[in-house]
Amino acid sequence: MSPDVFRGQIAALTAELAGRPLDAGLDAWLNQTHGAGSETFRTLADSCRTGVAEGWLCNREGGGIRYGRIFKPAEDLHGFSVDVVDMQDVAGPHHTHPNGEIDLIMPLEGDARFDGRPAGWLVMPPGSAHRPTVSQGRALVLYLLPEGRIDFTK
């Protein structure tokens, strides 16, 4: 496993997401097609766990959260940036998603949930906002942000 291999895995997924609206329909499709238990989920979760263990993912820390943007938006990623966070029973900083956000929730310990959702995908539409929260354990969360856009609340 390497960042280049991981990038290829993400690019294969974002090719399927390109041009689709970030809405409840995409949320349902992702969970049905690439949800917990699927080959895509297992592959991405294994890659994220390896990347954290090897230090090329979640290589920063603040407020009890390990995080890091591994890839900026790029053509091969169909305009998405890629961030991964490692959170345990904590709420992160409030922010908005001007273009929406696609999250892959990968529990590591306990019955971890991200914003109340179990293992799988969560799609937040453009203009949505939240204080990202992991409860009931520890989870890795992969964020796909169209154009890398995220606005933290001051």
N, C-alpha and C. Protein backbone atom coordinates (compact mmCIF):
# COMPACT_ATOMS: atom_id res chain seq x y z
N MET A 1 0.84 -1.18 0.00
CA MET A 1 0.00 0.00 0.00
C MET A 1 0.88 1.23 0.00
N SER A 2 0.44 2.23 -0.74
CA SER A 2 1.16 3.50 -0.83
C SER A 2 0.14 4.60 -1.16
N PRO A 3 0.53 5.87 -0.98
CA PRO A 3 -0.38 6.94 -1.38
C PRO A 3 -0.78 6.85 -2.85
N ASP A 4 0.12 6.41 -3.72
CA ASP A 4 -0.23 6.30 -5.15
C ASP A 4 -1.29 5.24 -5.39
N VAL A 5 -1.17 4.10 -4.72
CA VAL A 5 -2.18 3.04 -4.86
C VAL A 5 -3.52 3.53 -4.31
N PHE A 6 -3.47 4.20 -3.16
CA PHE A 6 -4.68 4.76 -2.55
C PHE A 6 -5.34 5.76 -3.49
N ARG A 7 -4.54 6.60 -4.11
CA ARG A 7 -5.08 7.58 -5.07
C ARG A 7 -5.81 6.88 -6.21
N GLY A 8 -5.25 5.79 -6.70
CA GLY A 8 -5.91 5.02 -7.75
C GLY A 8 -7.24 4.46 -7.31
N GLN A 9 -7.31 3.99 -6.06
CA GLN A 9 -8.57 3.47 -5.52
C GLN A 9 -9.63 4.58 -5.46
N ILE A 10 -9.21 5.75 -4.99
CA ILE A 10 -10.14 6.88 -4.89
C ILE A 10 -10.57 7.33 -6.28
N ALA A 11 -9.63 7.39 -7.22
CA ALA A 11 -9.96 7.82 -8.58
C ALA A 11 -10.99 6.90 -9.23
N ALA A 12 -10.87 5.60 -8.97
CA ALA A 12 -11.86 4.65 -9.52
C ALA A 12 -13.25 4.95 -8.97
N LEU A 13 -13.32 5.29 -7.68
CA LEU A 13 -14.61 5.61 -7.07
C LEU A 13 -15.13 6.95 -7.57
N THR A 14 -14.28 7.98 -7.59
CA THR A 14 -14.77 9.30 -7.99
C THR A 14 -15.20 9.32 -9.46
N ALA A 15 -14.67 8.41 -10.26
CA ALA A 15 -15.14 8.30 -11.65
C ALA A 15 -16.63 7.96 -11.68
N GLU A 16 -17.09 7.20 -10.70
CA GLU A 16 -18.51 6.84 -10.62
C GLU A 16 -19.35 7.97 -10.03
N LEU A 17 -18.69 8.90 -9.33
CA LEU A 17 -19.41 10.00 -8.67
C LEU A 17 -19.47 11.26 -9.52
N ALA A 18 -18.56 11.38 -10.47
CA ALA A 18 -18.43 12.60 -11.27
C ALA A 18 -19.76 13.01 -11.89
N GLY A 19 -20.13 14.27 -11.66
CA GLY A 19 -21.33 14.82 -12.26
C GLY A 19 -22.63 14.48 -11.56
N ARG A 20 -22.58 13.64 -10.54
CA ARG A 20 -23.81 13.27 -9.83
C ARG A 20 -24.11 14.30 -8.75
N PRO A 21 -25.39 14.61 -8.53
CA PRO A 21 -25.72 15.54 -7.45
C PRO A 21 -25.46 14.91 -6.09
N LEU A 22 -24.97 15.70 -5.16
CA LEU A 22 -24.75 15.23 -3.80
C LEU A 22 -26.07 15.39 -3.05
N ASP A 23 -26.81 14.29 -2.98
CA ASP A 23 -28.14 14.32 -2.40
C ASP A 23 -28.48 12.95 -1.79
N ALA A 24 -29.72 12.81 -1.32
CA ALA A 24 -30.16 11.56 -0.69
C ALA A 24 -30.09 10.38 -1.65
N GLY A 25 -30.30 10.62 -2.93
CA GLY A 25 -30.21 9.54 -3.91
C GLY A 25 -28.80 8.98 -4.00
N LEU A 26 -27.80 9.87 -3.97
CA LEU A 26 -26.41 9.42 -4.01
C LEU A 26 -26.06 8.69 -2.71
N ASP A 27 -26.55 9.19 -1.59
CA ASP A 27 -26.33 8.54 -0.31
C ASP A 27 -26.84 7.09 -0.36
N ALA A 28 -28.05 6.91 -0.84
CA ALA A 28 -28.64 5.57 -0.92
C ALA A 28 -27.86 4.69 -1.90
N TRP A 29 -27.49 5.25 -3.05
CA TRP A 29 -26.74 4.48 -4.05
C TRP A 29 -25.39 4.03 -3.51
N LEU A 30 -24.66 4.95 -2.87
CA LEU A 30 -23.35 4.59 -2.31
C LEU A 30 -23.48 3.48 -1.28
N ASN A 31 -24.46 3.59 -0.39
CA ASN A 31 -24.62 2.57 0.65
C ASN A 31 -25.07 1.23 0.07
N GLN A 32 -25.83 1.26 -1.01
CA GLN A 32 -26.25 0.02 -1.64
C GLN A 32 -25.13 -0.61 -2.47
N THR A 33 -24.40 0.22 -3.21
CA THR A 33 -23.39 -0.26 -4.15
C THR A 33 -22.01 -0.45 -3.53
N HIS A 34 -21.63 0.47 -2.63
CA HIS A 34 -20.28 0.46 -2.06
C HIS A 34 -20.31 0.51 -0.53
N GLY A 35 -21.41 0.07 0.08
CA GLY A 35 -21.58 0.19 1.52
C GLY A 35 -20.77 -0.80 2.34
N ALA A 36 -20.98 -0.72 3.65
CA ALA A 36 -20.29 -1.61 4.59
C ALA A 36 -20.49 -3.06 4.14
N GLY A 37 -19.41 -3.80 4.11
CA GLY A 37 -19.47 -5.18 3.67
C GLY A 37 -19.12 -5.37 2.21
N SER A 38 -19.10 -4.28 1.44
CA SER A 38 -18.76 -4.38 0.01
C SER A 38 -17.24 -4.45 -0.16
N GLU A 39 -16.82 -4.87 -1.34
CA GLU A 39 -15.39 -4.92 -1.65
C GLU A 39 -14.78 -3.52 -1.61
N THR A 40 -15.49 -2.53 -2.14
CA THR A 40 -14.99 -1.15 -2.13
C THR A 40 -14.77 -0.69 -0.69
N PHE A 41 -15.74 -0.93 0.17
CA PHE A 41 -15.63 -0.52 1.58
C PHE A 41 -14.42 -1.18 2.22
N ARG A 42 -14.30 -2.50 2.06
CA ARG A 42 -13.18 -3.24 2.67
C ARG A 42 -11.85 -2.72 2.17
N THR A 43 -11.74 -2.50 0.87
CA THR A 43 -10.48 -2.03 0.28
C THR A 43 -10.10 -0.65 0.82
N LEU A 44 -11.05 0.28 0.80
CA LEU A 44 -10.76 1.63 1.28
C LEU A 44 -10.46 1.64 2.77
N ALA A 45 -11.21 0.87 3.55
CA ALA A 45 -10.97 0.81 5.00
C ALA A 45 -9.59 0.23 5.29
N ASP A 46 -9.22 -0.84 4.60
CA ASP A 46 -7.89 -1.43 4.78
C ASP A 46 -6.80 -0.43 4.41
N SER A 47 -6.99 0.28 3.31
CA SER A 47 -6.00 1.27 2.87
C SER A 47 -5.88 2.40 3.88
N CYS A 48 -7.00 2.86 4.41
CA CYS A 48 -6.96 3.95 5.40
C CYS A 48 -6.27 3.49 6.68
N ARG A 49 -6.60 2.30 7.17
CA ARG A 49 -5.94 1.78 8.38
C ARG A 49 -4.43 1.67 8.15
N THR A 50 -4.04 1.18 6.99
CA THR A 50 -2.61 1.05 6.67
C THR A 50 -1.96 2.42 6.60
N GLY A 51 -2.60 3.37 5.93
CA GLY A 51 -2.05 4.72 5.81
C GLY A 51 -1.85 5.40 7.15
N VAL A 52 -2.79 5.20 8.08
CA VAL A 52 -2.65 5.76 9.42
C VAL A 52 -1.47 5.09 10.13
N ALA A 53 -1.41 3.76 10.06
CA ALA A 53 -0.33 3.02 10.72
C ALA A 53 1.05 3.41 10.17
N GLU A 54 1.11 3.67 8.87
CA GLU A 54 2.39 4.02 8.23
C GLU A 54 2.71 5.51 8.30
N GLY A 55 1.74 6.32 8.75
CA GLY A 55 1.99 7.73 8.96
C GLY A 55 1.75 8.65 7.78
N TRP A 56 1.23 8.15 6.67
CA TRP A 56 0.95 9.05 5.55
C TRP A 56 -0.51 9.49 5.49
N LEU A 57 -1.33 9.00 6.40
CA LEU A 57 -2.69 9.52 6.60
C LEU A 57 -2.81 10.01 8.04
N CYS A 58 -3.64 11.02 8.24
CA CYS A 58 -3.90 11.56 9.58
C CYS A 58 -2.59 11.95 10.27
N ASN A 59 -1.75 12.69 9.56
CA ASN A 59 -0.43 13.02 10.08
C ASN A 59 -0.38 14.35 10.83
N ARG A 60 -1.53 14.91 11.12
CA ARG A 60 -1.62 16.12 11.93
C ARG A 60 -2.55 15.84 13.11
N GLU A 61 -2.46 16.68 14.12
CA GLU A 61 -3.35 16.49 15.27
C GLU A 61 -3.72 17.83 15.87
N GLY A 62 -4.99 17.93 16.27
CA GLY A 62 -5.47 19.13 16.93
C GLY A 62 -6.82 18.87 17.55
N GLY A 63 -7.01 19.33 18.77
CA GLY A 63 -8.30 19.17 19.44
C GLY A 63 -8.71 17.72 19.64
N GLY A 64 -7.74 16.83 19.80
CA GLY A 64 -8.05 15.42 20.00
C GLY A 64 -8.41 14.67 18.73
N ILE A 65 -8.16 15.31 17.57
CA ILE A 65 -8.49 14.71 16.28
C ILE A 65 -7.21 14.60 15.46
N ARG A 66 -6.96 13.43 14.91
CA ARG A 66 -5.88 13.27 13.95
C ARG A 66 -6.50 13.45 12.57
N TYR A 67 -5.82 14.20 11.70
CA TYR A 67 -6.43 14.53 10.42
C TYR A 67 -5.35 14.81 9.37
N GLY A 68 -5.78 14.97 8.15
CA GLY A 68 -4.87 15.39 7.09
C GLY A 68 -5.52 15.28 5.73
N ARG A 69 -5.18 16.24 4.88
CA ARG A 69 -5.62 16.21 3.49
C ARG A 69 -4.53 15.49 2.70
N ILE A 70 -4.85 14.31 2.22
CA ILE A 70 -3.87 13.52 1.48
C ILE A 70 -3.79 13.96 0.02
N PHE A 71 -4.93 14.39 -0.57
CA PHE A 71 -4.92 14.82 -1.97
C PHE A 71 -5.75 16.08 -2.14
N LYS A 72 -5.19 17.05 -2.84
CA LYS A 72 -5.93 18.24 -3.23
C LYS A 72 -6.82 17.88 -4.42
N PRO A 73 -7.82 18.72 -4.72
CA PRO A 73 -8.67 18.44 -5.88
C PRO A 73 -7.81 18.32 -7.14
N ALA A 74 -8.14 17.34 -7.95
CA ALA A 74 -7.36 17.11 -9.16
C ALA A 74 -8.24 16.47 -10.23
N GLU A 75 -7.79 16.61 -11.47
CA GLU A 75 -8.55 16.07 -12.59
C GLU A 75 -8.75 14.56 -12.47
N ASP A 76 -7.69 13.83 -12.11
CA ASP A 76 -7.81 12.37 -12.00
C ASP A 76 -8.73 11.96 -10.86
N LEU A 77 -8.96 12.87 -9.90
CA LEU A 77 -9.89 12.61 -8.79
C LEU A 77 -11.25 13.25 -9.06
N HIS A 78 -11.45 13.69 -10.30
CA HIS A 78 -12.72 14.26 -10.76
C HIS A 78 -13.14 15.48 -9.93
N GLY A 79 -12.12 16.26 -9.53
CA GLY A 79 -12.37 17.51 -8.82
C GLY A 79 -12.53 17.39 -7.32
N PHE A 80 -12.41 16.19 -6.79
CA PHE A 80 -12.56 15.99 -5.34
C PHE A 80 -11.21 16.11 -4.65
N SER A 81 -11.22 16.64 -3.43
CA SER A 81 -10.08 16.53 -2.53
C SER A 81 -10.38 15.34 -1.61
N VAL A 82 -9.33 14.84 -0.94
CA VAL A 82 -9.48 13.68 -0.07
C VAL A 82 -8.82 13.98 1.27
N ASP A 83 -9.60 13.92 2.33
CA ASP A 83 -9.12 14.07 3.71
C ASP A 83 -9.51 12.81 4.47
N VAL A 84 -8.72 12.47 5.47
CA VAL A 84 -9.07 11.38 6.38
C VAL A 84 -8.85 11.88 7.79
N VAL A 85 -9.80 11.59 8.68
CA VAL A 85 -9.69 11.95 10.09
C VAL A 85 -9.83 10.69 10.94
N ASP A 86 -9.21 10.74 12.10
CA ASP A 86 -9.27 9.67 13.10
C ASP A 86 -9.84 10.33 14.35
N MET A 87 -11.07 9.93 14.72
CA MET A 87 -11.78 10.59 15.83
C MET A 87 -12.30 9.55 16.80
N GLN A 88 -12.27 9.89 18.08
CA GLN A 88 -12.84 9.02 19.11
C GLN A 88 -13.65 9.86 20.08
N ASP A 89 -14.95 9.62 20.11
CA ASP A 89 -15.86 10.28 21.05
C ASP A 89 -15.56 11.77 21.16
N VAL A 90 -15.62 12.45 20.03
CA VAL A 90 -15.28 13.87 20.01
C VAL A 90 -16.07 14.56 18.90
N ALA A 91 -16.30 15.85 19.10
CA ALA A 91 -16.92 16.68 18.07
C ALA A 91 -15.86 17.61 17.51
N GLY A 92 -15.81 17.70 16.21
CA GLY A 92 -14.85 18.57 15.53
C GLY A 92 -15.40 19.97 15.35
N PRO A 93 -14.63 20.82 14.68
CA PRO A 93 -15.05 22.21 14.48
C PRO A 93 -16.21 22.34 13.48
N HIS A 94 -17.11 23.25 13.79
CA HIS A 94 -18.26 23.50 12.92
C HIS A 94 -17.79 24.04 11.58
N HIS A 95 -18.42 23.56 10.51
CA HIS A 95 -18.08 24.03 9.17
C HIS A 95 -19.25 23.82 8.22
N THR A 96 -19.16 24.49 7.08
CA THR A 96 -20.16 24.34 6.03
C THR A 96 -19.50 23.73 4.80
N HIS A 97 -20.36 23.15 3.95
CA HIS A 97 -19.92 22.49 2.72
C HIS A 97 -20.55 23.23 1.54
N PRO A 98 -19.86 24.22 0.98
CA PRO A 98 -20.45 24.98 -0.13
C PRO A 98 -20.88 24.09 -1.29
N ASN A 99 -20.11 23.02 -1.56
CA ASN A 99 -20.43 22.13 -2.68
C ASN A 99 -20.86 20.74 -2.22
N GLY A 100 -21.08 20.58 -0.93
CA GLY A 100 -21.44 19.29 -0.38
C GLY A 100 -20.22 18.52 0.11
N GLU A 101 -20.48 17.34 0.66
CA GLU A 101 -19.43 16.49 1.21
C GLU A 101 -19.90 15.04 1.16
N ILE A 102 -18.97 14.15 0.83
CA ILE A 102 -19.25 12.72 0.84
C ILE A 102 -18.32 12.09 1.87
N ASP A 103 -18.90 11.37 2.84
CA ASP A 103 -18.13 10.79 3.94
C ASP A 103 -18.22 9.28 3.92
N LEU A 104 -17.08 8.63 4.10
CA LEU A 104 -17.03 7.17 4.30
C LEU A 104 -16.69 6.94 5.76
N ILE A 105 -17.59 6.29 6.48
CA ILE A 105 -17.48 6.06 7.92
C ILE A 105 -16.95 4.65 8.15
N MET A 106 -15.78 4.57 8.82
CA MET A 106 -15.11 3.28 9.03
C MET A 106 -14.84 3.10 10.52
N PRO A 107 -15.77 2.47 11.27
CA PRO A 107 -15.56 2.27 12.70
C PRO A 107 -14.31 1.42 12.98
N LEU A 108 -13.59 1.83 14.02
CA LEU A 108 -12.40 1.09 14.46
C LEU A 108 -12.61 0.42 15.81
N GLU A 109 -13.32 1.10 16.70
CA GLU A 109 -13.54 0.58 18.06
C GLU A 109 -14.97 0.88 18.48
N GLY A 110 -15.54 -0.05 19.23
CA GLY A 110 -16.90 0.12 19.72
C GLY A 110 -17.91 0.12 18.58
N ASP A 111 -19.06 0.72 18.84
CA ASP A 111 -20.11 0.85 17.82
C ASP A 111 -20.06 2.29 17.29
N ALA A 112 -18.86 2.69 16.86
CA ALA A 112 -18.64 4.08 16.48
C ALA A 112 -19.62 4.55 15.41
N ARG A 113 -20.08 5.77 15.60
CA ARG A 113 -20.99 6.42 14.67
C ARG A 113 -20.47 7.80 14.36
N PHE A 114 -20.74 8.23 13.13
CA PHE A 114 -20.35 9.57 12.71
C PHE A 114 -21.64 10.34 12.44
N ASP A 115 -21.85 11.40 13.18
CA ASP A 115 -23.10 12.16 13.10
C ASP A 115 -24.30 11.23 13.19
N GLY A 116 -24.18 10.22 14.04
CA GLY A 116 -25.28 9.28 14.28
C GLY A 116 -25.36 8.14 13.28
N ARG A 117 -24.51 8.12 12.27
CA ARG A 117 -24.57 7.09 11.22
C ARG A 117 -23.53 6.00 11.47
N PRO A 118 -23.89 4.74 11.23
CA PRO A 118 -22.94 3.63 11.39
C PRO A 118 -22.04 3.51 10.17
N ALA A 119 -21.27 2.44 10.11
CA ALA A 119 -20.37 2.18 8.98
C ALA A 119 -21.11 2.34 7.66
N GLY A 120 -20.44 3.01 6.71
CA GLY A 120 -21.02 3.23 5.39
C GLY A 120 -20.80 4.66 4.95
N TRP A 121 -21.69 5.14 4.12
CA TRP A 121 -21.57 6.45 3.50
C TRP A 121 -22.58 7.44 4.04
N LEU A 122 -22.18 8.70 4.06
CA LEU A 122 -23.07 9.81 4.41
C LEU A 122 -22.81 10.92 3.39
N VAL A 123 -23.84 11.33 2.68
CA VAL A 123 -23.71 12.40 1.70
C VAL A 123 -24.43 13.64 2.24
N MET A 124 -23.69 14.74 2.29
CA MET A 124 -24.25 16.01 2.74
C MET A 124 -24.35 16.93 1.53
N PRO A 125 -25.51 17.51 1.31
CA PRO A 125 -25.73 18.33 0.11
C PRO A 125 -25.01 19.67 0.17
N PRO A 126 -24.89 20.34 -0.96
CA PRO A 126 -24.32 21.68 -0.98
C PRO A 126 -25.06 22.60 -0.01
N GLY A 127 -24.27 23.41 0.71
CA GLY A 127 -24.85 24.35 1.66
C GLY A 127 -25.08 23.77 3.04
N SER A 128 -24.86 22.49 3.22
CA SER A 128 -25.08 21.88 4.54
C SER A 128 -23.95 22.28 5.50
N ALA A 129 -24.22 22.12 6.78
CA ALA A 129 -23.24 22.45 7.81
C ALA A 129 -23.39 21.47 8.96
N HIS A 130 -22.30 21.28 9.71
CA HIS A 130 -22.37 20.43 10.89
C HIS A 130 -21.13 20.61 11.74
N ARG A 131 -21.21 20.03 12.91
CA ARG A 131 -20.05 19.87 13.79
C ARG A 131 -19.78 18.38 13.78
N PRO A 132 -18.84 17.89 12.97
CA PRO A 132 -18.64 16.45 12.80
C PRO A 132 -18.36 15.78 14.13
N THR A 133 -19.14 14.73 14.41
CA THR A 133 -19.07 14.10 15.72
C THR A 133 -18.98 12.59 15.60
N VAL A 134 -17.98 12.03 16.24
CA VAL A 134 -17.89 10.58 16.38
C VAL A 134 -18.27 10.25 17.81
N SER A 135 -19.23 9.33 17.94
CA SER A 135 -19.70 8.89 19.26
C SER A 135 -19.64 7.37 19.34
N GLN A 136 -19.70 6.86 20.54
CA GLN A 136 -19.75 5.42 20.82
C GLN A 136 -18.50 4.67 20.35
N GLY A 137 -17.36 5.35 20.29
CA GLY A 137 -16.14 4.66 19.91
C GLY A 137 -15.23 5.50 19.04
N ARG A 138 -14.42 4.79 18.27
CA ARG A 138 -13.41 5.43 17.41
C ARG A 138 -13.65 5.05 15.96
N ALA A 139 -13.48 6.03 15.07
CA ALA A 139 -13.69 5.78 13.65
C ALA A 139 -12.72 6.59 12.81
N LEU A 140 -12.42 6.05 11.65
CA LEU A 140 -11.80 6.82 10.59
C LEU A 140 -12.92 7.31 9.69
N VAL A 141 -12.81 8.53 9.22
CA VAL A 141 -13.79 9.08 8.28
C VAL A 141 -13.02 9.68 7.11
N LEU A 142 -13.35 9.23 5.91
CA LEU A 142 -12.77 9.76 4.69
C LEU A 142 -13.74 10.78 4.13
N TYR A 143 -13.23 11.97 3.82
CA TYR A 143 -14.05 13.05 3.27
C TYR A 143 -13.68 13.29 1.82
N LEU A 144 -14.66 13.30 0.96
CA LEU A 144 -14.49 13.73 -0.43
C LEU A 144 -15.21 15.08 -0.55
N LEU A 145 -14.44 16.11 -0.89
CA LEU A 145 -15.00 17.45 -1.01
C LEU A 145 -14.87 17.95 -2.44
N PRO A 146 -16.00 18.23 -3.11
CA PRO A 146 -15.93 18.80 -4.45
C PRO A 146 -15.14 20.11 -4.43
N GLU A 147 -14.14 20.20 -5.29
CA GLU A 147 -13.26 21.37 -5.39
C GLU A 147 -12.51 21.65 -4.09
N GLY A 148 -12.53 20.69 -3.14
CA GLY A 148 -11.84 20.88 -1.87
C GLY A 148 -12.46 21.92 -0.97
N ARG A 149 -13.70 22.33 -1.27
CA ARG A 149 -14.33 23.45 -0.57
C ARG A 149 -14.89 23.04 0.79
N ILE A 150 -14.43 23.73 1.81
CA ILE A 150 -14.95 23.60 3.16
C ILE A 150 -14.73 24.95 3.83
N ASP A 151 -15.72 25.44 4.52
CA ASP A 151 -15.62 26.74 5.20
C ASP A 151 -15.83 26.54 6.69
N PHE A 152 -14.75 26.73 7.46
CA PHE A 152 -14.86 26.58 8.91
C PHE A 152 -15.48 27.83 9.50
N THR A 153 -16.37 27.62 10.45
CA THR A 153 -17.06 28.71 11.14
C THR A 153 -16.09 29.38 12.10
N LYS A 154 -16.07 30.71 12.05
CA LYS A 154 -15.14 31.45 12.94
C LYS A 154 -15.73 31.66 14.30
